[in-house]
N, C-alpha and C. Protein backbone atom coordinates (compact mmCIF):
# COMPACT_ATOMS: atom_id res chain seq x y z
N MET A 1 10.25 5.92 -16.43
CA MET A 1 11.12 6.42 -15.38
C MET A 1 10.27 7.16 -14.34
N ARG A 2 10.63 7.01 -13.08
CA ARG A 2 9.91 7.64 -11.99
C ARG A 2 10.47 9.03 -11.73
N HIS A 3 9.58 10.02 -11.65
CA HIS A 3 9.98 11.40 -11.43
C HIS A 3 9.31 11.93 -10.16
N THR A 4 10.09 12.65 -9.36
CA THR A 4 9.56 13.36 -8.20
C THR A 4 9.68 14.84 -8.52
N ILE A 5 8.53 15.49 -8.61
CA ILE A 5 8.47 16.90 -9.00
C ILE A 5 7.94 17.72 -7.84
N SER A 6 8.60 18.81 -7.56
CA SER A 6 8.14 19.75 -6.53
C SER A 6 7.72 21.03 -7.22
N VAL A 7 6.52 21.50 -6.90
CA VAL A 7 5.98 22.70 -7.54
C VAL A 7 5.51 23.68 -6.48
N LEU A 8 6.07 24.89 -6.50
CA LEU A 8 5.56 25.96 -5.64
C LEU A 8 4.48 26.69 -6.42
N VAL A 9 3.33 26.88 -5.78
CA VAL A 9 2.19 27.52 -6.43
C VAL A 9 1.55 28.53 -5.48
N GLU A 10 0.81 29.46 -6.07
CA GLU A 10 -0.01 30.37 -5.26
C GLU A 10 -1.06 29.52 -4.54
N ASN A 11 -1.29 29.81 -3.29
CA ASN A 11 -2.25 29.06 -2.49
C ASN A 11 -3.65 29.62 -2.76
N LYS A 12 -4.25 29.17 -3.87
CA LYS A 12 -5.54 29.68 -4.31
C LYS A 12 -6.46 28.54 -4.72
N PHE A 13 -7.73 28.83 -4.72
CA PHE A 13 -8.75 27.91 -5.16
C PHE A 13 -8.53 27.50 -6.61
N GLY A 14 -8.62 26.21 -6.93
CA GLY A 14 -8.55 25.71 -8.29
C GLY A 14 -7.18 25.37 -8.83
N VAL A 15 -6.12 25.75 -8.12
CA VAL A 15 -4.76 25.51 -8.61
C VAL A 15 -4.48 24.01 -8.68
N LEU A 16 -4.85 23.27 -7.67
CA LEU A 16 -4.62 21.83 -7.65
C LEU A 16 -5.29 21.16 -8.85
N ALA A 17 -6.52 21.53 -9.15
CA ALA A 17 -7.24 20.94 -10.28
C ALA A 17 -6.55 21.25 -11.60
N ARG A 18 -6.09 22.49 -11.78
CA ARG A 18 -5.41 22.85 -13.03
C ARG A 18 -4.10 22.08 -13.20
N ILE A 19 -3.36 21.94 -12.13
CA ILE A 19 -2.07 21.26 -12.24
C ILE A 19 -2.26 19.76 -12.44
N SER A 20 -3.14 19.14 -11.69
CA SER A 20 -3.36 17.71 -11.90
C SER A 20 -3.96 17.45 -13.28
N GLY A 21 -4.74 18.40 -13.80
CA GLY A 21 -5.30 18.29 -15.15
C GLY A 21 -4.23 18.25 -16.22
N LEU A 22 -3.15 18.98 -16.03
CA LEU A 22 -2.04 18.95 -16.99
C LEU A 22 -1.46 17.54 -17.11
N PHE A 23 -1.31 16.88 -15.98
CA PHE A 23 -0.75 15.53 -15.99
C PHE A 23 -1.70 14.54 -16.65
N SER A 24 -2.98 14.62 -16.30
CA SER A 24 -3.94 13.67 -16.89
C SER A 24 -4.12 13.92 -18.38
N ALA A 25 -4.05 15.17 -18.82
CA ALA A 25 -4.18 15.48 -20.25
C ALA A 25 -3.04 14.86 -21.06
N ARG A 26 -1.89 14.68 -20.43
CA ARG A 26 -0.73 14.06 -21.10
C ARG A 26 -0.67 12.56 -20.87
N GLY A 27 -1.66 12.00 -20.20
CA GLY A 27 -1.69 10.55 -19.99
C GLY A 27 -0.81 10.05 -18.86
N PHE A 28 -0.41 10.94 -17.96
CA PHE A 28 0.39 10.53 -16.81
C PHE A 28 -0.52 10.14 -15.67
N ASN A 29 -0.24 9.01 -15.06
CA ASN A 29 -0.92 8.64 -13.83
C ASN A 29 -0.08 9.19 -12.68
N ILE A 30 -0.69 9.95 -11.81
CA ILE A 30 0.02 10.49 -10.64
C ILE A 30 0.05 9.39 -9.58
N SER A 31 1.26 8.92 -9.26
CA SER A 31 1.42 7.87 -8.25
C SER A 31 1.21 8.40 -6.85
N SER A 32 1.63 9.64 -6.64
CA SER A 32 1.54 10.25 -5.32
C SER A 32 1.43 11.75 -5.49
N LEU A 33 0.58 12.36 -4.66
CA LEU A 33 0.40 13.81 -4.69
C LEU A 33 0.19 14.29 -3.26
N ALA A 34 1.08 15.15 -2.81
CA ALA A 34 0.95 15.74 -1.47
C ALA A 34 1.03 17.26 -1.63
N VAL A 35 0.14 17.96 -0.95
CA VAL A 35 0.07 19.42 -1.05
C VAL A 35 -0.07 20.01 0.34
N GLY A 36 0.65 21.09 0.59
CA GLY A 36 0.52 21.79 1.86
C GLY A 36 1.12 23.17 1.78
N GLU A 37 0.71 24.02 2.72
CA GLU A 37 1.28 25.37 2.80
C GLU A 37 2.76 25.29 3.12
N THR A 38 3.48 26.31 2.69
CA THR A 38 4.91 26.43 3.00
C THR A 38 5.07 27.37 4.20
N GLU A 39 6.29 27.85 4.39
CA GLU A 39 6.53 28.82 5.46
C GLU A 39 5.80 30.14 5.19
N ASP A 40 5.36 30.34 3.96
CA ASP A 40 4.58 31.49 3.54
C ASP A 40 3.16 30.99 3.25
N ALA A 41 2.17 31.42 4.02
CA ALA A 41 0.80 30.92 3.91
C ALA A 41 0.16 31.19 2.55
N SER A 42 0.72 32.10 1.77
CA SER A 42 0.16 32.38 0.44
C SER A 42 0.73 31.46 -0.64
N VAL A 43 1.64 30.56 -0.23
CA VAL A 43 2.30 29.64 -1.17
C VAL A 43 2.11 28.20 -0.69
N SER A 44 1.73 27.33 -1.62
CA SER A 44 1.66 25.89 -1.33
C SER A 44 2.73 25.17 -2.11
N ARG A 45 3.12 24.02 -1.58
CA ARG A 45 4.11 23.18 -2.26
C ARG A 45 3.46 21.85 -2.58
N MET A 46 3.54 21.47 -3.84
CA MET A 46 3.03 20.18 -4.28
C MET A 46 4.22 19.27 -4.54
N THR A 47 4.14 18.05 -4.04
CA THR A 47 5.12 17.03 -4.39
C THR A 47 4.35 15.99 -5.20
N ILE A 48 4.76 15.84 -6.46
CA ILE A 48 4.05 14.97 -7.39
C ILE A 48 5.01 13.87 -7.85
N VAL A 49 4.58 12.63 -7.74
CA VAL A 49 5.38 11.50 -8.21
C VAL A 49 4.65 10.88 -9.39
N VAL A 50 5.36 10.80 -10.53
CA VAL A 50 4.77 10.25 -11.76
C VAL A 50 5.77 9.33 -12.45
N GLU A 51 5.24 8.42 -13.25
CA GLU A 51 6.06 7.57 -14.12
C GLU A 51 5.88 8.09 -15.53
N GLY A 52 6.97 8.21 -16.29
CA GLY A 52 6.84 8.65 -17.67
C GLY A 52 8.19 8.91 -18.29
N ASP A 53 8.17 9.07 -19.60
CA ASP A 53 9.43 9.33 -20.30
C ASP A 53 9.83 10.80 -20.14
N ASP A 54 11.12 11.04 -20.27
CA ASP A 54 11.68 12.37 -20.05
C ASP A 54 11.13 13.42 -21.01
N LYS A 55 10.96 13.06 -22.27
CA LYS A 55 10.53 14.02 -23.28
C LYS A 55 9.13 14.57 -22.96
N THR A 56 8.19 13.69 -22.68
CA THR A 56 6.83 14.13 -22.37
C THR A 56 6.80 14.90 -21.07
N LEU A 57 7.57 14.45 -20.09
CA LEU A 57 7.60 15.15 -18.81
C LEU A 57 8.18 16.55 -18.97
N ASP A 58 9.15 16.72 -19.83
CA ASP A 58 9.69 18.07 -20.10
C ASP A 58 8.60 19.00 -20.61
N GLN A 59 7.73 18.49 -21.48
CA GLN A 59 6.61 19.29 -21.98
C GLN A 59 5.66 19.69 -20.85
N VAL A 60 5.37 18.74 -19.96
CA VAL A 60 4.49 19.03 -18.83
C VAL A 60 5.12 20.10 -17.94
N LYS A 61 6.42 19.99 -17.68
CA LYS A 61 7.10 20.99 -16.85
C LYS A 61 7.04 22.37 -17.49
N LYS A 62 7.22 22.43 -18.82
CA LYS A 62 7.12 23.72 -19.51
C LYS A 62 5.72 24.30 -19.37
N GLN A 63 4.70 23.45 -19.50
CA GLN A 63 3.32 23.93 -19.35
C GLN A 63 3.03 24.35 -17.90
N LEU A 64 3.59 23.62 -16.93
CA LEU A 64 3.43 24.01 -15.53
C LEU A 64 4.00 25.40 -15.30
N ASN A 65 5.18 25.65 -15.87
CA ASN A 65 5.82 26.95 -15.70
C ASN A 65 5.04 28.09 -16.34
N LYS A 66 4.20 27.77 -17.34
CA LYS A 66 3.39 28.79 -18.00
C LYS A 66 2.14 29.16 -17.21
N LEU A 67 1.71 28.28 -16.30
CA LEU A 67 0.51 28.58 -15.51
C LEU A 67 0.77 29.80 -14.63
N ILE A 68 -0.18 30.71 -14.59
CA ILE A 68 -0.01 31.95 -13.84
C ILE A 68 0.20 31.72 -12.34
N ASP A 69 -0.38 30.65 -11.81
CA ASP A 69 -0.27 30.37 -10.37
C ASP A 69 1.01 29.64 -9.99
N THR A 70 1.78 29.18 -10.98
CA THR A 70 3.01 28.45 -10.70
C THR A 70 4.14 29.42 -10.43
N ILE A 71 4.86 29.17 -9.35
CA ILE A 71 6.00 30.02 -8.97
C ILE A 71 7.31 29.37 -9.39
N LYS A 72 7.46 28.07 -9.11
CA LYS A 72 8.71 27.38 -9.41
C LYS A 72 8.43 25.88 -9.56
N VAL A 73 9.17 25.23 -10.48
CA VAL A 73 9.04 23.79 -10.72
C VAL A 73 10.42 23.17 -10.65
N ILE A 74 10.55 22.09 -9.89
CA ILE A 74 11.82 21.36 -9.83
C ILE A 74 11.52 19.88 -10.03
N ASP A 75 12.23 19.26 -10.96
CA ASP A 75 12.19 17.81 -11.17
C ASP A 75 13.43 17.27 -10.47
N PHE A 76 13.24 16.70 -9.28
CA PHE A 76 14.37 16.22 -8.50
C PHE A 76 15.05 15.04 -9.19
N LYS A 77 16.36 15.07 -9.21
CA LYS A 77 17.16 13.96 -9.73
C LYS A 77 17.55 13.05 -8.57
N GLU A 78 17.75 11.79 -8.87
CA GLU A 78 18.13 10.81 -7.85
C GLU A 78 19.36 11.31 -7.08
N GLY A 79 19.32 11.23 -5.76
CA GLY A 79 20.42 11.66 -4.93
C GLY A 79 20.41 13.13 -4.57
N GLU A 80 19.48 13.91 -5.14
CA GLU A 80 19.41 15.35 -4.87
C GLU A 80 18.31 15.70 -3.87
N PHE A 81 17.68 14.68 -3.28
CA PHE A 81 16.58 14.96 -2.37
C PHE A 81 16.41 13.83 -1.36
N VAL A 82 15.74 14.17 -0.29
CA VAL A 82 15.29 13.15 0.66
C VAL A 82 13.76 13.15 0.58
N ASP A 83 13.19 11.98 0.76
CA ASP A 83 11.74 11.89 0.70
C ASP A 83 11.22 11.03 1.84
N ARG A 84 9.99 11.32 2.24
CA ARG A 84 9.35 10.60 3.32
C ARG A 84 7.86 10.47 3.04
N GLU A 85 7.28 9.46 3.66
CA GLU A 85 5.84 9.25 3.66
C GLU A 85 5.42 9.02 5.10
N LEU A 86 4.19 9.33 5.39
CA LEU A 86 3.61 9.01 6.69
C LEU A 86 2.51 8.00 6.43
N MET A 87 2.43 7.00 7.30
CA MET A 87 1.39 5.99 7.17
C MET A 87 0.77 5.72 8.53
N LEU A 88 -0.53 5.54 8.53
CA LEU A 88 -1.26 5.01 9.67
C LEU A 88 -1.79 3.66 9.22
N ILE A 89 -1.63 2.65 10.06
CA ILE A 89 -2.07 1.30 9.71
C ILE A 89 -2.71 0.64 10.92
N LYS A 90 -3.86 0.04 10.70
CA LYS A 90 -4.58 -0.66 11.77
C LYS A 90 -4.45 -2.15 11.52
N VAL A 91 -4.02 -2.88 12.56
CA VAL A 91 -3.74 -4.31 12.45
C VAL A 91 -4.55 -5.08 13.49
N THR A 92 -5.07 -6.22 13.09
CA THR A 92 -5.79 -7.10 14.01
C THR A 92 -4.78 -7.74 14.97
N VAL A 93 -5.13 -7.76 16.24
CA VAL A 93 -4.29 -8.43 17.24
C VAL A 93 -5.15 -9.30 18.14
N ASN A 94 -4.47 -10.27 18.78
CA ASN A 94 -5.09 -11.09 19.81
C ASN A 94 -4.03 -11.39 20.85
N ALA A 95 -4.38 -12.13 21.86
CA ALA A 95 -3.43 -12.42 22.95
C ALA A 95 -2.18 -13.13 22.45
N LYS A 96 -2.32 -13.97 21.42
CA LYS A 96 -1.18 -14.74 20.91
C LYS A 96 -0.20 -13.89 20.10
N ASN A 97 -0.74 -12.97 19.28
CA ASN A 97 0.16 -12.28 18.35
C ASN A 97 0.50 -10.84 18.73
N ARG A 98 -0.08 -10.33 19.80
CA ARG A 98 0.13 -8.92 20.17
C ARG A 98 1.62 -8.58 20.28
N ASN A 99 2.39 -9.42 21.00
CA ASN A 99 3.83 -9.11 21.17
C ASN A 99 4.58 -9.16 19.84
N SER A 100 4.21 -10.09 18.96
CA SER A 100 4.87 -10.17 17.65
C SER A 100 4.59 -8.92 16.82
N VAL A 101 3.36 -8.42 16.89
CA VAL A 101 3.02 -7.20 16.16
C VAL A 101 3.82 -6.03 16.72
N LEU A 102 3.88 -5.92 18.04
CA LEU A 102 4.64 -4.84 18.67
C LEU A 102 6.12 -4.89 18.29
N GLU A 103 6.69 -6.10 18.24
CA GLU A 103 8.09 -6.25 17.84
C GLU A 103 8.31 -5.82 16.38
N ALA A 104 7.39 -6.19 15.51
CA ALA A 104 7.49 -5.81 14.10
C ALA A 104 7.45 -4.29 13.96
N VAL A 105 6.55 -3.64 14.68
CA VAL A 105 6.42 -2.19 14.63
C VAL A 105 7.70 -1.52 15.14
N GLU A 106 8.20 -1.98 16.27
CA GLU A 106 9.42 -1.40 16.85
C GLU A 106 10.63 -1.62 15.96
N SER A 107 10.68 -2.74 15.22
CA SER A 107 11.84 -3.05 14.38
C SER A 107 12.05 -2.03 13.26
N VAL A 108 11.00 -1.32 12.87
CA VAL A 108 11.13 -0.32 11.81
C VAL A 108 10.93 1.10 12.34
N GLY A 109 10.88 1.25 13.65
CA GLY A 109 10.76 2.58 14.24
C GLY A 109 9.35 3.14 14.22
N GLY A 110 8.36 2.27 14.07
CA GLY A 110 6.97 2.72 14.12
C GLY A 110 6.56 3.00 15.55
N ARG A 111 5.37 3.56 15.69
CA ARG A 111 4.90 3.95 17.02
C ARG A 111 3.41 3.62 17.13
N ILE A 112 3.03 3.06 18.25
CA ILE A 112 1.63 2.73 18.51
C ILE A 112 0.90 4.03 18.87
N VAL A 113 -0.20 4.30 18.16
CA VAL A 113 -0.97 5.51 18.44
C VAL A 113 -2.32 5.18 19.07
N SER A 114 -2.74 3.92 18.99
CA SER A 114 -3.98 3.49 19.60
C SER A 114 -3.93 1.98 19.77
N ALA A 115 -4.29 1.51 20.95
CA ALA A 115 -4.31 0.07 21.19
C ALA A 115 -5.64 -0.32 21.82
N LEU A 116 -6.36 -1.16 21.13
CA LEU A 116 -7.62 -1.69 21.63
C LEU A 116 -7.45 -3.20 21.84
N SER A 117 -8.46 -3.86 22.33
CA SER A 117 -8.33 -5.29 22.61
C SER A 117 -8.14 -6.12 21.34
N ASN A 118 -8.75 -5.70 20.22
CA ASN A 118 -8.67 -6.48 18.98
C ASN A 118 -7.86 -5.83 17.86
N SER A 119 -7.35 -4.63 18.08
CA SER A 119 -6.57 -3.97 17.02
C SER A 119 -5.58 -2.98 17.61
N ILE A 120 -4.55 -2.73 16.82
CA ILE A 120 -3.54 -1.73 17.17
C ILE A 120 -3.40 -0.81 15.97
N SER A 121 -3.36 0.49 16.22
CA SER A 121 -3.11 1.47 15.16
C SER A 121 -1.68 1.97 15.31
N VAL A 122 -0.98 2.00 14.18
CA VAL A 122 0.45 2.30 14.17
C VAL A 122 0.71 3.49 13.26
N GLU A 123 1.64 4.33 13.67
CA GLU A 123 2.14 5.44 12.86
C GLU A 123 3.57 5.12 12.47
N ALA A 124 3.88 5.32 11.20
CA ALA A 124 5.26 5.11 10.74
C ALA A 124 5.57 6.15 9.66
N SER A 125 6.81 6.59 9.64
CA SER A 125 7.25 7.48 8.57
C SER A 125 8.60 7.00 8.08
N GLY A 126 8.86 7.28 6.82
CA GLY A 126 10.13 6.89 6.21
C GLY A 126 10.01 6.90 4.72
N ASP A 127 11.05 6.40 4.05
CA ASP A 127 10.97 6.34 2.60
C ASP A 127 9.98 5.25 2.21
N SER A 128 9.61 5.21 0.94
CA SER A 128 8.56 4.27 0.52
C SER A 128 8.95 2.82 0.73
N ASN A 129 10.24 2.48 0.68
CA ASN A 129 10.66 1.11 0.95
C ASN A 129 10.39 0.71 2.40
N LYS A 130 10.64 1.62 3.32
CA LYS A 130 10.38 1.35 4.72
C LYS A 130 8.87 1.15 4.96
N ILE A 131 8.07 2.01 4.35
CA ILE A 131 6.61 1.92 4.51
C ILE A 131 6.10 0.61 3.93
N LYS A 132 6.55 0.26 2.72
CA LYS A 132 6.15 -1.00 2.10
C LYS A 132 6.61 -2.19 2.94
N GLY A 133 7.81 -2.09 3.50
CA GLY A 133 8.34 -3.17 4.34
C GLY A 133 7.49 -3.41 5.57
N LEU A 134 7.04 -2.33 6.21
CA LEU A 134 6.20 -2.48 7.39
C LEU A 134 4.86 -3.11 7.02
N ILE A 135 4.31 -2.70 5.90
CA ILE A 135 3.05 -3.31 5.44
C ILE A 135 3.22 -4.82 5.28
N GLU A 136 4.32 -5.22 4.65
CA GLU A 136 4.56 -6.65 4.44
C GLU A 136 4.79 -7.39 5.76
N LEU A 137 5.47 -6.74 6.71
CA LEU A 137 5.66 -7.37 8.03
C LEU A 137 4.33 -7.59 8.75
N LEU A 138 3.41 -6.64 8.59
CA LEU A 138 2.15 -6.71 9.32
C LEU A 138 1.05 -7.47 8.59
N ARG A 139 1.21 -7.68 7.29
CA ARG A 139 0.19 -8.36 6.50
C ARG A 139 -0.25 -9.71 7.09
N PRO A 140 0.68 -10.57 7.53
CA PRO A 140 0.26 -11.87 8.07
C PRO A 140 -0.65 -11.78 9.31
N PHE A 141 -0.60 -10.67 10.01
CA PHE A 141 -1.42 -10.52 11.22
C PHE A 141 -2.85 -10.07 10.90
N GLY A 142 -3.04 -9.52 9.72
CA GLY A 142 -4.36 -9.06 9.31
C GLY A 142 -4.48 -7.54 9.35
N ILE A 143 -4.27 -6.94 8.20
CA ILE A 143 -4.38 -5.48 8.09
C ILE A 143 -5.85 -5.13 7.93
N VAL A 144 -6.32 -4.22 8.78
CA VAL A 144 -7.70 -3.75 8.72
C VAL A 144 -7.81 -2.56 7.79
N GLU A 145 -6.84 -1.64 7.88
CA GLU A 145 -6.92 -0.39 7.14
C GLU A 145 -5.53 0.24 7.02
N VAL A 146 -5.27 0.88 5.88
CA VAL A 146 -4.01 1.60 5.66
C VAL A 146 -4.34 2.98 5.09
N VAL A 147 -3.70 4.02 5.63
CA VAL A 147 -3.80 5.38 5.10
C VAL A 147 -2.38 5.90 4.95
N ARG A 148 -2.06 6.40 3.74
CA ARG A 148 -0.73 6.93 3.47
C ARG A 148 -0.84 8.36 2.95
N THR A 149 0.12 9.19 3.30
CA THR A 149 0.10 10.59 2.88
C THR A 149 0.54 10.78 1.44
N GLY A 150 1.33 9.90 0.92
CA GLY A 150 2.02 10.16 -0.33
C GLY A 150 3.37 10.77 -0.01
N ARG A 151 4.23 10.79 -0.98
CA ARG A 151 5.60 11.22 -0.78
C ARG A 151 5.71 12.74 -0.69
N ILE A 152 6.53 13.20 0.24
CA ILE A 152 6.97 14.59 0.26
C ILE A 152 8.48 14.56 0.07
N ALA A 153 9.04 15.59 -0.52
CA ALA A 153 10.47 15.59 -0.83
C ALA A 153 11.06 16.96 -0.56
N LEU A 154 12.33 16.95 -0.18
CA LEU A 154 13.06 18.17 0.11
C LEU A 154 14.45 18.04 -0.52
N GLY A 155 14.84 19.04 -1.28
CA GLY A 155 16.16 19.02 -1.91
C GLY A 155 17.26 19.02 -0.87
N THR A 156 18.39 18.41 -1.21
CA THR A 156 19.50 18.32 -0.27
C THR A 156 20.52 19.44 -0.42
N SER A 157 20.37 20.29 -1.44
CA SER A 157 21.32 21.40 -1.59
C SER A 157 21.08 22.41 -0.46
N GLU A 158 22.08 23.23 -0.21
CA GLU A 158 21.96 24.23 0.86
C GLU A 158 20.91 25.29 0.54
N LYS A 159 20.71 25.53 -0.74
CA LYS A 159 19.71 26.51 -1.16
C LYS A 159 18.33 25.85 -1.12
N GLY A 160 17.41 26.45 -0.43
CA GLY A 160 16.07 25.90 -0.36
C GLY A 160 15.24 26.29 -1.56
N MET A 161 14.08 25.69 -1.67
CA MET A 161 13.15 26.01 -2.76
C MET A 161 12.22 27.10 -2.25
N LYS A 162 12.67 28.32 -2.32
CA LYS A 162 11.89 29.46 -1.84
C LYS A 162 11.16 30.12 -3.00
N ALA A 163 10.19 30.91 -2.65
CA ALA A 163 9.39 31.60 -3.66
C ALA A 163 9.95 32.98 -3.94
N GLU A 164 11.29 33.06 -4.17
CA GLU A 164 11.89 34.35 -4.49
C GLU A 164 11.27 34.90 -5.75
N GLY A 165 11.09 36.19 -5.79
CA GLY A 165 10.53 36.81 -6.97
C GLY A 165 9.07 36.50 -7.18
N LYS A 166 8.40 36.06 -6.13
CA LYS A 166 6.99 35.72 -6.22
C LYS A 166 6.20 36.96 -6.65
N PRO A 167 5.33 36.80 -7.61
CA PRO A 167 4.54 37.97 -8.05
C PRO A 167 3.64 38.46 -6.93
N GLU A 168 3.43 39.76 -6.92
CA GLU A 168 2.53 40.35 -5.93
C GLU A 168 1.11 39.89 -6.21
N VAL A 169 0.37 39.64 -5.14
CA VAL A 169 -1.01 39.21 -5.28
C VAL A 169 -1.90 40.41 -4.95
N ASN A 170 -2.69 40.83 -5.92
CA ASN A 170 -3.61 41.94 -5.70
C ASN A 170 -4.99 41.38 -5.37
N GLU A 171 -5.50 41.76 -4.24
CA GLU A 171 -6.82 41.25 -3.85
C GLU A 171 -7.83 42.36 -3.82
């Protein structure tokens, strides 16, 4: 089963390694990992996408909650969140196919960020199906390079995932 987990952590050196180590120690392959500061610069939010059974994942979540740098862990359930990815993709173009590439990009709401005589670089964001769809649309033209951010997710409830009760940091 695919799980999307959001983890609020102290924004400190080594936290990412400790958390990703928990997953690898349990034999989970992380499909996607995105990390960034939140509205509070001392807190980072990790969005981790993994495949695994519920029982083992429950153990990992319990261990995550025990880490001193972990503030909050949420395993999003289907329908309780929106998710997006950002992708940059470079595609080969020529005089014959340039318009077809542009039409494919526009059909999914992508945007040209760089256009050269032999290639076009495109920015697109959306759920993973949209991103995969654009890749498949552009594959016949010749993909030069793809860079993806990985999934980020935000709960749909009115209550946000804030770091309430965050422990004081003594420096």
